[in-house]
């Protein structure tokens, strides 16, 4: 299964945006990458019994869209 890797950014000081704000956004990005990978692992696990786990799989796929969009 494909795993996404977190890109490390070197962002210089920005006029009008504090360093703390940039750091907080990078933490959010790291969380989106982590959660995307966790969701994909769980989907692979639950897909082995897809009929039994249909509702959980549907919810994970919906949530994956949110996490993936935050990551890309």
Protein backbone atom coordinates (compact mmCIF):
# COMPACT_ATOMS: atom_id res chain seq x y z
CA UNK A 1 0.00 0.00 0.00
CA UNK A 2 1.21 3.49 -0.83
CA UNK A 3 2.24 5.63 2.11
CA UNK A 4 2.38 9.39 1.88
CA UNK A 5 5.48 11.07 3.22
CA UNK A 6 5.56 14.42 4.89
CA UNK A 7 7.44 17.06 2.94
CA UNK A 8 9.71 19.20 5.10
CA UNK A 9 9.39 22.86 4.20
CA UNK A 10 11.92 25.60 4.88
CA UNK A 11 9.85 28.74 4.92
CA UNK A 12 11.61 32.07 5.41
CA UNK A 13 10.11 34.83 7.52
CA UNK A 14 7.02 36.24 5.86
CA UNK A 15 5.82 39.79 6.14
CA UNK A 16 2.43 39.85 7.84
CA UNK A 17 2.46 36.17 8.88
CA UNK A 18 4.12 35.21 12.14
CA UNK A 19 6.54 32.32 12.48
CA UNK A 20 4.16 30.76 15.01
CA UNK A 21 1.33 30.79 12.47
CA UNK A 22 3.52 29.08 9.87
CA UNK A 23 4.58 26.47 12.45
CA UNK A 24 0.95 25.77 13.36
CA UNK A 25 0.03 25.27 9.71
CA UNK A 26 2.94 22.87 9.24
CA UNK A 27 1.76 20.89 12.28
CA UNK A 28 -1.72 20.67 10.76
CA UNK A 29 -0.20 19.48 7.49
CA UNK A 30 1.79 16.79 9.34
CA UNK A 31 -1.43 15.62 10.99
CA UNK A 32 -3.20 15.36 7.64
CA UNK A 33 -0.37 13.21 6.27
CA UNK A 34 -0.42 10.97 9.35
CA UNK A 35 -4.21 10.59 9.33
CA UNK A 36 -4.30 9.89 5.59
CA UNK A 37 -1.87 7.02 6.08
CA UNK A 38 -3.77 5.66 9.08
CA UNK A 39 -7.06 5.73 7.18
CA UNK A 40 -5.56 3.91 4.20
CA UNK A 41 -4.20 1.20 6.51
CA UNK A 42 -7.61 0.80 8.14
CA UNK A 43 -9.38 0.66 4.76
CA UNK A 44 -7.03 -2.13 3.65
CA UNK A 45 -7.75 -4.02 6.87
CA UNK A 46 -11.54 -3.64 6.71
CA UNK A 47 -11.73 -4.32 2.96
CA UNK A 48 -10.89 -7.98 3.63
CA UNK A 49 -14.48 -8.34 4.86
CA UNK A 50 -16.06 -5.55 2.83
CA UNK A 51 -19.66 -6.78 3.13
CA UNK A 52 -19.43 -6.88 6.91
CA UNK A 53 -17.67 -3.50 7.14
CA UNK A 54 -19.51 -1.55 4.43
CA UNK A 55 -20.62 1.34 6.65
CA UNK A 56 -17.23 1.73 8.31
CA UNK A 57 -15.52 1.65 4.92
CA UNK A 58 -17.87 4.31 3.60
CA UNK A 59 -17.14 6.57 6.53
CA UNK A 60 -13.38 6.06 6.22
CA UNK A 61 -13.50 6.88 2.51
CA UNK A 62 -15.45 10.07 3.27
CA UNK A 63 -12.97 11.05 5.96
CA UNK A 64 -10.01 10.25 3.72
CA UNK A 65 -11.17 12.95 1.29
CA UNK A 66 -10.99 15.55 4.06
CA UNK A 67 -7.54 14.47 5.25
CA UNK A 68 -6.16 14.14 1.73
CA UNK A 69 -7.38 17.60 0.74
CA UNK A 70 -5.66 19.07 3.80
CA UNK A 71 -2.46 17.31 2.84
CA UNK A 72 -2.19 18.15 -0.85
